[in-house]
Amino acid sequence: MLSETDDADTLTMLWAVHALQNDRSASAEKHLNLPPQANTSSMDSPFAVLSWDFETLIPLMLNMPKAVSPPWLRQPMNVRAFNTVANLINLLRAADEHDSGDRVTVEIVLKEMHRIAHRTFAW
């Protein structure tokens, strides 16, 4: 999904979601079609996108090799749909959960908690 979509369009979509969830919905609505429930700054909302999700997605997007197939064969993301962001976040979390099965053992669980804390809490 990230390799077939223009980085500037993807960044605009992610910026709009961040703006929406930081009480700047008027700016976000110019760039994103969204359900009214997504207009919230509450972290416990099912529509919340957490800061560390942005911090993971953006470098991933910028480092992703772009598709070399002809433009008419590409299937870029719909960067105007809030559901696109939800799908990206769900895929990101599923991949992280799958990878943690290989990484986390009883012996190193505290190191994993340290890694998660760095993603969760700002400096």
PDB file of N, CA and C in Angstrom:
ATOM      1  N   MET A   1       0.822  -1.194   0.000  1.00  0.00           N
ATOM      2  CA  MET A   1       0.000   0.000   0.000  1.00  0.00           C
ATOM      3  C   MET A   1       0.866   1.258   0.000  1.00  0.00           C
ATOM      4  N   LEU A   2       1.897   1.250   0.842  1.00  0.00           N
ATOM      5  CA  LEU A   2       2.746   2.432   0.939  1.00  0.00           C
ATOM      6  C   LEU A   2       3.630   2.605  -0.290  1.00  0.00           C
ATOM      7  N   SER A   3       4.008   1.509  -0.925  1.00  0.00           N
ATOM      8  CA  SER A   3       4.912   1.617  -2.070  1.00  0.00           C
ATOM      9  C   SER A   3       4.202   2.127  -3.320  1.00  0.00           C
ATOM     10  N   GLU A   4       2.898   2.020  -3.356  1.00  0.00           N
ATOM     11  CA  GLU A   4       2.156   2.416  -4.551  1.00  0.00           C
ATOM     12  C   GLU A   4       1.454   3.761  -4.408  1.00  0.00           C
ATOM     13  N   THR A   5       1.695   4.452  -3.310  1.00  0.00           N
ATOM     14  CA  THR A   5       1.037   5.739  -3.056  1.00  0.00           C
ATOM     15  C   THR A   5       2.089   6.818  -2.887  1.00  0.00           C
ATOM     16  N   ASP A   6       1.811   7.969  -3.439  1.00  0.00           N
ATOM     17  CA  ASP A   6       2.717   9.109  -3.362  1.00  0.00           C
ATOM     18  C   ASP A   6       2.956   9.501  -1.903  1.00  0.00           C
ATOM     19  N   ASP A   7       4.225   9.733  -1.547  1.00  0.00           N
ATOM     20  CA  ASP A   7       4.563  10.080  -0.162  1.00  0.00           C
ATOM     21  C   ASP A   7       3.877  11.365   0.300  1.00  0.00           C
ATOM     22  N   ALA A   8       3.832  12.369  -0.552  1.00  0.00           N
ATOM     23  CA  ALA A   8       3.208  13.646  -0.157  1.00  0.00           C
ATOM     24  C   ALA A   8       1.717  13.443   0.144  1.00  0.00           C
ATOM     25  N   ASP A   9       1.041  12.631  -0.658  1.00  0.00           N
ATOM     26  CA  ASP A   9      -0.379  12.362  -0.414  1.00  0.00           C
ATOM     27  C   ASP A   9      -0.570  11.588   0.887  1.00  0.00           C
ATOM     28  N   THR A  10       0.318  10.636   1.137  1.00  0.00           N
ATOM     29  CA  THR A  10       0.232   9.852   2.372  1.00  0.00           C
ATOM     30  C   THR A  10       0.505  10.731   3.582  1.00  0.00           C
ATOM     31  N   LEU A  11       1.511  11.590   3.505  1.00  0.00           N
ATOM     32  CA  LEU A  11       1.808  12.507   4.608  1.00  0.00           C
ATOM     33  C   LEU A  11       0.646  13.457   4.871  1.00  0.00           C
ATOM     34  N   THR A  12       0.007  13.927   3.811  1.00  0.00           N
ATOM     35  CA  THR A  12      -1.155  14.808   3.979  1.00  0.00           C
ATOM     36  C   THR A  12      -2.272  14.073   4.703  1.00  0.00           C
ATOM     37  N   MET A  13      -2.513  12.817   4.343  1.00  0.00           N
ATOM     38  CA  MET A  13      -3.545  12.019   5.000  1.00  0.00           C
ATOM     39  C   MET A  13      -3.219  11.846   6.484  1.00  0.00           C
ATOM     40  N   LEU A  14      -1.980  11.501   6.801  1.00  0.00           N
ATOM     41  CA  LEU A  14      -1.594  11.297   8.191  1.00  0.00           C
ATOM     42  C   LEU A  14      -1.639  12.613   8.973  1.00  0.00           C
ATOM     43  N   TRP A  15      -1.215  13.710   8.333  1.00  0.00           N
ATOM     44  CA  TRP A  15      -1.304  15.023   8.973  1.00  0.00           C
ATOM     45  C   TRP A  15      -2.760  15.358   9.301  1.00  0.00           C
ATOM     46  N   ALA A  16      -3.668  15.067   8.364  1.00  0.00           N
ATOM     47  CA  ALA A  16      -5.087  15.377   8.569  1.00  0.00           C
ATOM     48  C   ALA A  16      -5.651  14.593   9.746  1.00  0.00           C
ATOM     49  N   VAL A  17      -5.271  13.329   9.881  1.00  0.00           N
ATOM     50  CA  VAL A  17      -5.749  12.542  11.026  1.00  0.00           C
ATOM     51  C   VAL A  17      -5.186  13.109  12.320  1.00  0.00           C
ATOM     52  N   HIS A  18      -3.920  13.476  12.311  1.00  0.00           N
ATOM     53  CA  HIS A  18      -3.315  14.075  13.500  1.00  0.00           C
ATOM     54  C   HIS A  18      -4.019  15.389  13.845  1.00  0.00           C
ATOM     55  N   ALA A  19      -4.280  16.213  12.842  1.00  0.00           N
ATOM     56  CA  ALA A  19      -4.985  17.479  13.067  1.00  0.00           C
ATOM     57  C   ALA A  19      -6.380  17.223  13.630  1.00  0.00           C
ATOM     58  N   LEU A  20      -7.070  16.266  13.056  1.00  0.00           N
ATOM     59  CA  LEU A  20      -8.421  15.926  13.500  1.00  0.00           C
ATOM     60  C   LEU A  20      -8.435  15.553  14.968  1.00  0.00           C
ATOM     61  N   GLN A  21      -7.459  14.777  15.391  1.00  0.00           N
ATOM     62  CA  GLN A  21      -7.463  14.278  16.760  1.00  0.00           C
ATOM     63  C   GLN A  21      -6.733  15.209  17.726  1.00  0.00           C
ATOM     64  N   ASN A  22      -6.397  16.389  17.231  1.00  0.00           N
ATOM     65  CA  ASN A  22      -5.814  17.423  18.087  1.00  0.00           C
ATOM     66  C   ASN A  22      -6.606  18.717  17.976  1.00  0.00           C
ATOM     67  N   ASP A  23      -7.924  18.555  17.856  1.00  0.00           N
ATOM     68  CA  ASP A  23      -8.871  19.666  17.885  1.00  0.00           C
ATOM     69  C   ASP A  23      -8.665  20.685  16.764  1.00  0.00           C
ATOM     70  N   ARG A  24      -8.245  20.214  15.587  1.00  0.00           N
ATOM     71  CA  ARG A  24      -8.135  21.079  14.419  1.00  0.00           C
ATOM     72  C   ARG A  24      -8.936  20.456  13.276  1.00  0.00           C
ATOM     73  N   SER A  25     -10.175  20.094  13.563  1.00  0.00           N
ATOM     74  CA  SER A  25     -10.994  19.353  12.603  1.00  0.00           C
ATOM     75  C   SER A  25     -11.301  20.154  11.344  1.00  0.00           C
ATOM     76  N   ALA A  26     -11.409  21.469  11.455  1.00  0.00           N
ATOM     77  CA  ALA A  26     -11.703  22.276  10.265  1.00  0.00           C
ATOM     78  C   ALA A  26     -10.597  22.122   9.229  1.00  0.00           C
ATOM     79  N   SER A  27      -9.362  22.066   9.665  1.00  0.00           N
ATOM     80  CA  SER A  27      -8.242  21.867   8.742  1.00  0.00           C
ATOM     81  C   SER A  27      -8.259  20.457   8.174  1.00  0.00           C
ATOM     82  N   ALA A  28      -8.556  19.490   9.012  1.00  0.00           N
ATOM     83  CA  ALA A  28      -8.522  18.082   8.595  1.00  0.00           C
ATOM     84  C   ALA A  28      -9.601  17.763   7.572  1.00  0.00           C
ATOM     85  N   GLU A  29     -10.778  18.341   7.735  1.00  0.00           N
ATOM     86  CA  GLU A  29     -11.904  18.007   6.855  1.00  0.00           C
ATOM     87  C   GLU A  29     -11.664  18.425   5.407  1.00  0.00           C
ATOM     88  N   LYS A  30     -10.717  19.323   5.175  1.00  0.00           N
ATOM     89  CA  LYS A  30     -10.387  19.727   3.811  1.00  0.00           C
ATOM     90  C   LYS A  30      -9.650  18.615   3.059  1.00  0.00           C
ATOM     91  N   HIS A  31      -9.041  17.703   3.804  1.00  0.00           N
ATOM     92  CA  HIS A  31      -8.187  16.690   3.200  1.00  0.00           C
ATOM     93  C   HIS A  31      -8.679  15.263   3.401  1.00  0.00           C
ATOM     94  N   LEU A  32      -9.716  15.070   4.208  1.00  0.00           N
ATOM     95  CA  LEU A  32     -10.086  13.719   4.617  1.00  0.00           C
ATOM     96  C   LEU A  32     -11.596  13.578   4.766  1.00  0.00           C
ATOM     97  N   ASN A  33     -12.138  12.506   4.223  1.00  0.00           N
ATOM     98  CA  ASN A  33     -13.540  12.144   4.459  1.00  0.00           C
ATOM     99  C   ASN A  33     -13.556  11.278   5.705  1.00  0.00           C
ATOM    100  N   LEU A  34     -14.342  11.658   6.678  1.00  0.00           N
ATOM    101  CA  LEU A  34     -14.262  10.954   7.948  1.00  0.00           C
ATOM    102  C   LEU A  34     -15.621  10.790   8.600  1.00  0.00           C
ATOM    103  N   PRO A  35     -15.735   9.746   9.411  1.00  0.00           N
ATOM    104  CA  PRO A  35     -16.952   9.604  10.214  1.00  0.00           C
ATOM    105  C   PRO A  35     -16.924  10.622  11.354  1.00  0.00           C
ATOM    106  N   PRO A  36     -18.070  11.145  11.753  1.00  0.00           N
ATOM    107  CA  PRO A  36     -18.089  12.164  12.820  1.00  0.00           C
ATOM    108  C   PRO A  36     -17.446  11.686  14.119  1.00  0.00           C
ATOM    109  N   GLN A  37     -17.516  10.372  14.393  1.00  0.00           N
ATOM    110  CA  GLN A  37     -16.958   9.843  15.637  1.00  0.00           C
ATOM    111  C   GLN A  37     -15.431   9.951  15.686  1.00  0.00           C
ATOM    112  N   ALA A  38     -14.797  10.098  14.537  1.00  0.00           N
ATOM    113  CA  ALA A  38     -13.329  10.187  14.495  1.00  0.00           C
ATOM    114  C   ALA A  38     -12.836  11.541  14.976  1.00  0.00           C
ATOM    115  N   ASN A  39     -13.734  12.507  15.097  1.00  0.00           N
ATOM    116  CA  ASN A  39     -13.372  13.848  15.555  1.00  0.00           C
ATOM    117  C   ASN A  39     -13.303  13.845  17.079  1.00  0.00           C
ATOM    118  N   THR A  40     -12.224  13.277  17.595  1.00  0.00           N
ATOM    119  CA  THR A  40     -12.046  13.159  19.033  1.00  0.00           C
ATOM    120  C   THR A  40     -10.572  13.219  19.380  1.00  0.00           C
ATOM    121  N   SER A  41     -10.272  13.756  20.536  1.00  0.00           N
ATOM    122  CA  SER A  41      -8.892  13.750  21.006  1.00  0.00           C
ATOM    123  C   SER A  41      -8.705  12.725  22.121  1.00  0.00           C
ATOM    124  N   SER A  42      -9.719  11.918  22.365  1.00  0.00           N
ATOM    125  CA  SER A  42      -9.668  10.909  23.414  1.00  0.00           C
ATOM    126  C   SER A  42      -8.842   9.701  22.966  1.00  0.00           C
ATOM    127  N   MET A  43      -7.844   9.342  23.769  1.00  0.00           N
ATOM    128  CA  MET A  43      -6.994   8.196  23.429  1.00  0.00           C
ATOM    129  C   MET A  43      -7.719   6.865  23.549  1.00  0.00           C
ATOM    130  N   ASP A  44      -8.822   6.831  24.284  1.00  0.00           N
ATOM    131  CA  ASP A  44      -9.523   5.557  24.439  1.00  0.00           C
ATOM    132  C   ASP A  44     -10.634   5.370  23.400  1.00  0.00           C
ATOM    133  N   SER A  45     -10.725   6.276  22.457  1.00  0.00           N
ATOM    134  CA  SER A  45     -11.699   6.137  21.372  1.00  0.00           C
ATOM    135  C   SER A  45     -11.262   5.027  20.427  1.00  0.00           C
ATOM    136  N   PRO A  46     -12.212   4.251  19.900  1.00  0.00           N
ATOM    137  CA  PRO A  46     -11.836   3.234  18.906  1.00  0.00           C
ATOM    138  C   PRO A  46     -11.312   3.863  17.612  1.00  0.00           C
ATOM    139  N   PHE A  47     -11.485   5.166  17.441  1.00  0.00           N
ATOM    140  CA  PHE A  47     -11.006   5.878  16.255  1.00  0.00           C
ATOM    141  C   PHE A  47      -9.652   6.547  16.492  1.00  0.00           C
ATOM    142  N   ALA A  48      -9.115   6.434  17.691  1.00  0.00           N
ATOM    143  CA  ALA A  48      -7.859   7.106  18.022  1.00  0.00           C
ATOM    144  C   ALA A  48      -6.685   6.483  17.278  1.00  0.00           C
ATOM    145  N   VAL A  49      -5.832   7.351  16.754  1.00  0.00           N
ATOM    146  CA  VAL A  49      -4.552   6.927  16.195  1.00  0.00           C
ATOM    147  C   VAL A  49      -3.501   7.469  17.144  1.00  0.00           C
ATOM    148  N   LEU A  50      -2.721   6.586  17.705  1.00  0.00           N
ATOM    149  CA  LEU A  50      -1.771   6.971  18.740  1.00  0.00           C
ATOM    150  C   LEU A  50      -0.507   7.568  18.118  1.00  0.00           C
ATOM    151  N   SER A  51       0.127   8.443  18.858  1.00  0.00           N
ATOM    152  CA  SER A  51       1.297   9.160  18.337  1.00  0.00           C
ATOM    153  C   SER A  51       2.381   8.218  17.847  1.00  0.00           C
ATOM    154  N   TRP A  52       2.609   7.128  18.571  1.00  0.00           N
ATOM    155  CA  TRP A  52       3.667   6.206  18.162  1.00  0.00           C
ATOM    156  C   TRP A  52       3.306   5.453  16.890  1.00  0.00           C
ATOM    157  N   ASP A  53       2.024   5.391  16.565  1.00  0.00           N
ATOM    158  CA  ASP A  53       1.647   4.796  15.277  1.00  0.00           C
ATOM    159  C   ASP A  53       2.111   5.692  14.129  1.00  0.00           C
ATOM    160  N   PHE A  54       1.941   7.009  14.287  1.00  0.00           N
ATOM    161  CA  PHE A  54       2.455   7.946  13.283  1.00  0.00           C
ATOM    162  C   PHE A  54       3.971   7.833  13.192  1.00  0.00           C
ATOM    163  N   GLU A  55       4.619   7.770  14.364  1.00  0.00           N
ATOM    164  CA  GLU A  55       6.076   7.732  14.415  1.00  0.00           C
ATOM    165  C   GLU A  55       6.638   6.449  13.813  1.00  0.00           C
ATOM    166  N   THR A  56       5.839   5.415  13.736  1.00  0.00           N
ATOM    167  CA  THR A  56       6.262   4.180  13.095  1.00  0.00           C
ATOM    168  C   THR A  56       5.941   4.208  11.609  1.00  0.00           C
ATOM    169  N   LEU A  57       4.748   4.680  11.268  1.00  0.00           N
ATOM    170  CA  LEU A  57       4.311   4.683   9.865  1.00  0.00           C
ATOM    171  C   LEU A  57       5.119   5.618   8.973  1.00  0.00           C
ATOM    172  N   ILE A  58       5.433   6.797   9.461  1.00  0.00           N
ATOM    173  CA  ILE A  58       6.092   7.790   8.599  1.00  0.00           C
ATOM    174  C   ILE A  58       7.491   7.339   8.174  1.00  0.00           C
ATOM    175  N   PRO A  59       8.363   6.893   9.089  1.00  0.00           N
ATOM    176  CA  PRO A  59       9.657   6.396   8.610  1.00  0.00           C
ATOM    177  C   PRO A  59       9.518   5.162   7.711  1.00  0.00           C
ATOM    178  N   LEU A  60       8.566   4.304   8.038  1.00  0.00           N
ATOM    179  CA  LEU A  60       8.322   3.135   7.200  1.00  0.00           C
ATOM    180  C   LEU A  60       7.954   3.571   5.783  1.00  0.00           C
ATOM    181  N   MET A  61       7.077   4.546   5.675  1.00  0.00           N
ATOM    182  CA  MET A  61       6.658   5.057   4.370  1.00  0.00           C
ATOM    183  C   MET A  61       7.835   5.685   3.619  1.00  0.00           C
ATOM    184  N   LEU A  62       8.621   6.508   4.317  1.00  0.00           N
ATOM    185  CA  LEU A  62       9.721   7.205   3.662  1.00  0.00           C
ATOM    186  C   LEU A  62      10.840   6.256   3.220  1.00  0.00           C
ATOM    187  N   ASN A  63      10.986   5.134   3.918  1.00  0.00           N
ATOM    188  CA  ASN A  63      12.021   4.159   3.565  1.00  0.00           C
ATOM    189  C   ASN A  63      11.537   3.059   2.635  1.00  0.00           C
ATOM    190  N   MET A  64      10.248   3.056   2.347  1.00  0.00           N
ATOM    191  CA  MET A  64       9.665   2.017   1.495  1.00  0.00           C
ATOM    192  C   MET A  64      10.059   2.267   0.038  1.00  0.00           C
ATOM    193  N   PRO A  65      10.681   1.281  -0.625  1.00  0.00           N
ATOM    194  CA  PRO A  65      10.945   1.453  -2.058  1.00  0.00           C
ATOM    195  C   PRO A  65       9.620   1.620  -2.808  1.00  0.00           C
ATOM    196  N   LYS A  66       9.603   2.554  -3.726  1.00  0.00           N
ATOM    197  CA  LYS A  66       8.366   2.825  -4.467  1.00  0.00           C
ATOM    198  C   LYS A  66       8.204   1.835  -5.612  1.00  0.00           C
ATOM    199  N   ALA A  67       6.958   1.580  -5.943  1.00  0.00           N
ATOM    200  CA  ALA A  67       6.621   0.623  -6.995  1.00  0.00           C
ATOM    201  C   ALA A  67       7.229   1.070  -8.317  1.00  0.00           C
ATOM    202  N   VAL A  68       7.723   0.108  -9.079  1.00  0.00           N
ATOM    203  CA  VAL A  68       8.301   0.420 -10.386  1.00  0.00           C
ATOM    204  C   VAL A  68       7.365   0.019 -11.525  1.00  0.00           C
ATOM    205  N   SER A  69       6.208  -0.501 -11.164  1.00  0.00           N
ATOM    206  CA  SER A  69       5.241  -0.889 -12.192  1.00  0.00           C
ATOM    207  C   SER A  69       4.653   0.368 -12.841  1.00  0.00           C
ATOM    208  N   PRO A  70       4.131   0.245 -14.041  1.00  0.00           N
ATOM    209  CA  PRO A  70       3.523   1.410 -14.702  1.00  0.00           C
ATOM    210  C   PRO A  70       2.371   1.971 -13.858  1.00  0.00           C
ATOM    211  N   PRO A  71       2.174   3.280 -13.899  1.00  0.00           N
ATOM    212  CA  PRO A  71       1.137   3.915 -13.063  1.00  0.00           C
ATOM    213  C   PRO A  71      -0.245   3.302 -13.245  1.00  0.00           C
ATOM    214  N   TRP A  72      -0.586   2.848 -14.431  1.00  0.00           N
ATOM    215  CA  TRP A  72      -1.930   2.314 -14.643  1.00  0.00           C
ATOM    216  C   TRP A  72      -2.115   0.931 -14.004  1.00  0.00           C
ATOM    217  N   LEU A  73      -1.027   0.307 -13.547  1.00  0.00           N
ATOM    218  CA  LEU A  73      -1.141  -0.987 -12.866  1.00  0.00           C
ATOM    219  C   LEU A  73      -1.099  -0.859 -11.346  1.00  0.00           C
ATOM    220  N   ARG A  74      -0.750   0.307 -10.856  1.00  0.00           N
ATOM    221  CA  ARG A  74      -0.653   0.515  -9.407  1.00  0.00           C
ATOM    222  C   ARG A  74      -2.030   0.664  -8.789  1.00  0.00           C
ATOM    223  N   GLN A  75      -2.107   0.327  -7.530  1.00  0.00           N
ATOM    224  CA  GLN A  75      -3.349   0.488  -6.777  1.00  0.00           C
ATOM    225  C   GLN A  75      -3.060   1.335  -5.539  1.00  0.00           C
ATOM    226  N   PRO A  76      -2.938   2.653  -5.729  1.00  0.00           N
ATOM    227  CA  PRO A  76      -2.631   3.504  -4.576  1.00  0.00           C
ATOM    228  C   PRO A  76      -3.772   3.520  -3.565  1.00  0.00           C
ATOM    229  N   MET A  77      -3.419   3.856  -2.345  1.00  0.00           N
ATOM    230  CA  MET A  77      -4.420   3.964  -1.279  1.00  0.00           C
ATOM    231  C   MET A  77      -5.341   5.143  -1.560  1.00  0.00           C
ATOM    232  N   ASN A  78      -6.544   5.062  -1.049  1.00  0.00           N
ATOM    233  CA  ASN A  78      -7.458   6.200  -1.085  1.00  0.00           C
ATOM    234  C   ASN A  78      -7.078   7.105   0.089  1.00  0.00           C
ATOM    235  N   VAL A  79      -6.295   8.119  -0.189  1.00  0.00           N
ATOM    236  CA  VAL A  79      -5.762   8.976   0.875  1.00  0.00           C
ATOM    237  C   VAL A  79      -6.791   9.976   1.403  1.00  0.00           C
ATOM    238  N   ARG A  80      -7.988   9.957   0.854  1.00  0.00           N
ATOM    239  CA  ARG A  80      -9.054  10.842   1.346  1.00  0.00           C
ATOM    240  C   ARG A  80      -9.965  10.126   2.350  1.00  0.00           C
ATOM    241  N   ALA A  81      -9.772   8.832   2.556  1.00  0.00           N
ATOM    242  CA  ALA A  81     -10.669   8.054   3.418  1.00  0.00           C
ATOM    243  C   ALA A  81     -10.032   7.775   4.774  1.00  0.00           C
ATOM    244  N   PHE A  82     -10.755   8.058   5.834  1.00  0.00           N
ATOM    245  CA  PHE A  82     -10.274   7.763   7.183  1.00  0.00           C
ATOM    246  C   PHE A  82     -10.051   6.263   7.348  1.00  0.00           C
ATOM    247  N   ASN A  83     -10.865   5.454   6.699  1.00  0.00           N
ATOM    248  CA  ASN A  83     -10.718   3.998   6.810  1.00  0.00           C
ATOM    249  C   ASN A  83      -9.370   3.514   6.303  1.00  0.00           C
ATOM    250  N   THR A  84      -8.761   4.251   5.378  1.00  0.00           N
ATOM    251  CA  THR A  84      -7.430   3.880   4.897  1.00  0.00           C
ATOM    252  C   THR A  84      -6.425   3.944   6.042  1.00  0.00           C
ATOM    253  N   VAL A  85      -6.510   4.979   6.837  1.00  0.00           N
ATOM    254  CA  VAL A  85      -5.615   5.102   7.992  1.00  0.00           C
ATOM    255  C   VAL A  85      -5.901   3.975   8.981  1.00  0.00           C
ATOM    256  N   ALA A  86      -7.163   3.690   9.216  1.00  0.00           N
ATOM    257  CA  ALA A  86      -7.524   2.601  10.127  1.00  0.00           C
ATOM    258  C   ALA A  86      -6.951   1.272   9.633  1.00  0.00           C
ATOM    259  N   ASN A  87      -7.038   1.020   8.338  1.00  0.00           N
ATOM    260  CA  ASN A  87      -6.475  -0.212   7.780  1.00  0.00           C
ATOM    261  C   ASN A  87      -4.961  -0.264   7.951  1.00  0.00           C
ATOM    262  N   LEU A  88      -4.291   0.848   7.689  1.00  0.00           N
ATOM    263  CA  LEU A  88      -2.836   0.900   7.857  1.00  0.00           C
ATOM    264  C   LEU A  88      -2.442   0.613   9.303  1.00  0.00           C
ATOM    265  N   ILE A  89      -3.135   1.247  10.236  1.00  0.00           N
ATOM    266  CA  ILE A  89      -2.817   1.061  11.658  1.00  0.00           C
ATOM    267  C   ILE A  89      -3.080  -0.380  12.079  1.00  0.00           C
ATOM    268  N   ASN A  90      -4.189  -0.947  11.630  1.00  0.00           N
ATOM    269  CA  ASN A  90      -4.488  -2.334  11.984  1.00  0.00           C
ATOM    270  C   ASN A  90      -3.455  -3.294  11.414  1.00  0.00           C
ATOM    271  N   LEU A  91      -2.998  -3.055  10.179  1.00  0.00           N
ATOM    272  CA  LEU A  91      -1.949  -3.886   9.587  1.00  0.00           C
ATOM    273  C   LEU A  91      -0.631  -3.720  10.340  1.00  0.00           C
ATOM    274  N   LEU A  92      -0.306  -2.490  10.707  1.00  0.00           N
ATOM    275  CA  LEU A  92       0.909  -2.218  11.460  1.00  0.00           C
ATOM    276  C   LEU A  92       0.893  -2.945  12.803  1.00  0.00           C
ATOM    277  N   ARG A  93      -0.212  -2.857  13.501  1.00  0.00           N
ATOM    278  CA  ARG A  93      -0.325  -3.516  14.818  1.00  0.00           C
ATOM    279  C   ARG A  93      -0.299  -5.033  14.689  1.00  0.00           C
ATOM    280  N   ALA A  94      -0.934  -5.571  13.647  1.00  0.00           N
ATOM    281  CA  ALA A  94      -0.918  -7.017  13.435  1.00  0.00           C
ATOM    282  C   ALA A  94       0.504  -7.504  13.139  1.00  0.00           C
ATOM    283  N   ALA A  95       1.245  -6.747  12.328  1.00  0.00           N
ATOM    284  CA  ALA A  95       2.629  -7.115  12.022  1.00  0.00           C
ATOM    285  C   ALA A  95       3.496  -7.047  13.277  1.00  0.00           C
ATOM    286  N   ASP A  96       3.305  -6.013  14.085  1.00  0.00           N
ATOM    287  CA  ASP A  96       4.076  -5.861  15.313  1.00  0.00           C
ATOM    288  C   ASP A  96       3.779  -7.010  16.275  1.00  0.00           C
ATOM    289  N   GLU A  97       2.515  -7.362  16.385  1.00  0.00           N
ATOM    290  CA  GLU A  97       2.128  -8.470  17.268  1.00  0.00           C
ATOM    291  C   GLU A  97       2.706  -9.793  16.770  1.00  0.00           C
ATOM    292  N   HIS A  98       2.676  -9.999  15.468  1.00  0.00           N
ATOM    293  CA  HIS A  98       3.236 -11.229  14.888  1.00  0.00           C
ATOM    294  C   HIS A  98       4.744 -11.304  15.144  1.00  0.00           C
ATOM    295  N   ASP A  99       5.440 -10.182  14.938  1.00  0.00           N
ATOM    296  CA  ASP A  99       6.889 -10.151  15.149  1.00  0.00           C
ATOM    297  C   ASP A  99       7.260 -10.343  16.612  1.00  0.00           C
ATOM    298  N   SER A 100       6.439  -9.860  17.521  1.00  0.00           N
ATOM    299  CA  SER A 100       6.788  -9.962  18.936  1.00  0.00           C
ATOM    300  C   SER A 100       6.777 -11.411  19.413  1.00  0.00           C
ATOM    301  N   GLY A 101       6.065 -12.293  18.714  1.00  0.00           N
ATOM    302  CA  GLY A 101       6.073 -13.706  19.081  1.00  0.00           C
ATOM    303  C   GLY A 101       7.454 -14.308  18.994  1.00  0.00           C
ATOM    304  N   ASP A 102       8.249 -13.872  18.046  1.00  0.00           N
ATOM    305  CA  ASP A 102       9.625 -14.354  17.902  1.00  0.00           C
ATOM    306  C   ASP A 102      10.584 -13.620  18.826  1.00  0.00           C
ATOM    307  N   ARG A 103      10.241 -12.409  19.183  1.00  0.00           N
ATOM    308  CA  ARG A 103      11.154 -11.536  19.912  1.00  0.00           C
ATOM    309  C   ARG A 103      11.014 -11.660  21.428  1.00  0.00           C
ATOM    310  N   VAL A 104       9.835 -11.932  21.919  1.00  0.00           N
ATOM    311  CA  VAL A 104       9.590 -11.890  23.357  1.00  0.00           C
ATOM    312  C   VAL A 104       9.621 -13.299  23.941  1.00  0.00           C
ATOM    313  N   THR A 105      10.490 -13.449  24.915  1.00  0.00           N
ATOM    314  CA  THR A 105      10.549 -14.696  25.683  1.00  0.00           C
ATOM    315  C   THR A 105      10.498 -14.332  27.159  1.00  0.00           C
ATOM    316  N   VAL A 106      10.354 -15.323  27.994  1.00  0.00           N
ATOM    317  CA  VAL A 106      10.293 -15.085  29.432  1.00  0.00           C
ATOM    318  C   VAL A 106      11.572 -14.390  29.913  1.00  0.00           C
ATOM    319  N   GLU A 107      12.694 -14.743  29.300  1.00  0.00           N
ATOM    320  CA  GLU A 107      13.972 -14.192  29.743  1.00  0.00           C
ATOM    321  C   GLU A 107      14.137 -12.717  29.391  1.00  0.00           C
ATOM    322  N   ILE A 108      13.534 -12.250  28.317  1.00  0.00           N
ATOM    323  CA  ILE A 108      13.783 -10.872  27.875  1.00  0.00           C
ATOM    324  C   ILE A 108      12.527 -10.001  27.862  1.00  0.00           C
ATOM    325  N   VAL A 109      11.519 -10.397  28.583  1.00  0.00           N
ATOM    326  CA  VAL A 109      10.269  -9.637  28.572  1.00  0.00           C
ATOM    327  C   VAL A 109      10.471  -8.203  29.077  1.00  0.00           C
ATOM    328  N   LEU A 110      11.371  -7.987  30.034  1.00  0.00           N
ATOM    329  CA  LEU A 110      11.599  -6.639  30.536  1.00  0.00           C
ATOM    330  C   LEU A 110      12.247  -5.749  29.484  1.00  0.00           C
ATOM    331  N   LYS A 111      13.087  -6.303  28.625  1.00  0.00           N
ATOM    332  CA  LYS A 111      13.655  -5.518  27.528  1.00  0.00           C
ATOM    333  C   LYS A 111      12.559  -5.100  26.548  1.00  0.00           C
ATOM    334  N   GLU A 112      11.601  -5.955  26.333  1.00  0.00           N
ATOM    335  CA  GLU A 112      10.485  -5.627  25.443  1.00  0.00           C
ATOM    336  C   GLU A 112       9.629  -4.522  26.064  1.00  0.00           C
ATOM    337  N   MET A 113       9.431  -4.575  27.371  1.00  0.00           N
ATOM    338  CA  MET A 113       8.670  -3.509  28.046  1.00  0.00           C
ATOM    339  C   MET A 113       9.406  -2.176  27.905  1.00  0.00           C
ATOM    340  N   HIS A 114      10.724  -2.222  27.969  1.00  0.00           N
ATOM    341  CA  HIS A 114      11.525  -1.006  27.787  1.00  0.00           C
ATOM    342  C   HIS A 114      11.317  -0.446  26.376  1.00  0.00           C
ATOM    343  N   ARG A 115      11.324  -1.303  25.364  1.00  0.00           N
ATOM    344  CA  ARG A 115      11.119  -0.871  23.975  1.00  0.00           C
ATOM    345  C   ARG A 115       9.733  -0.252  23.804  1.00  0.00           C
ATOM    346  N   ILE A 116       8.726  -0.877  24.369  1.00  0.00           N
ATOM    347  CA  ILE A 116       7.353  -0.356  24.257  1.00  0.00           C
ATOM    348  C   ILE A 116       7.230   0.976  24.999  1.00  0.00           C
ATOM    349  N   ALA A 117       7.866   1.087  26.143  1.00  0.00           N
ATOM    350  CA  ALA A 117       7.802   2.350  26.893  1.00  0.00           C
ATOM    351  C   ALA A 117       8.403   3.494  26.092  1.00  0.00           C
ATOM    352  N   HIS A 118       9.477   3.231  25.367  1.00  0.00           N
ATOM    353  CA  HIS A 118      10.072   4.279  24.534  1.00  0.00           C
ATOM    354  C   HIS A 118       9.128   4.707  23.423  1.00  0.00           C
ATOM    355  N   ARG A 119       8.324   3.796  22.918  1.00  0.00           N
ATOM    356  CA  ARG A 119       7.355   4.161  21.882  1.00  0.00           C
ATOM    357  C   ARG A 119       6.168   4.900  22.477  1.00  0.00           C
ATOM    358  N   THR A 120       5.831   4.581  23.713  1.00  0.00           N
ATOM    359  CA  THR A 120       4.607   5.084  24.305  1.00  0.00           C
ATOM    360  C   THR A 120       4.772   6.449  24.947  1.00  0.00           C
ATOM    361  N   PHE A 121       5.848   6.689  25.635  1.00  0.00           N
ATOM    362  CA  PHE A 121       5.999   7.906  26.416  1.00  0.00           C
ATOM    363  C   PHE A 121       6.962   8.866  25.737  1.00  0.00           C
ATOM    364  N   ALA A 122       6.525  10.086  25.614  1.00  0.00           N
ATOM    365  CA  ALA A 122       7.368  11.118  24.985  1.00  0.00           C
ATOM    366  C   ALA A 122       8.571  11.423  25.891  1.00  0.00           C
ATOM    367  N   TRP A 123       9.594  12.000  25.281  1.00  0.00           N
ATOM    368  CA  TRP A 123      10.779  12.370  26.052  1.00  0.00           C
ATOM    369  C   TRP A 123      10.373  13.267  27.198  1.00  0.00           C
TER     370      TRP A 123
END
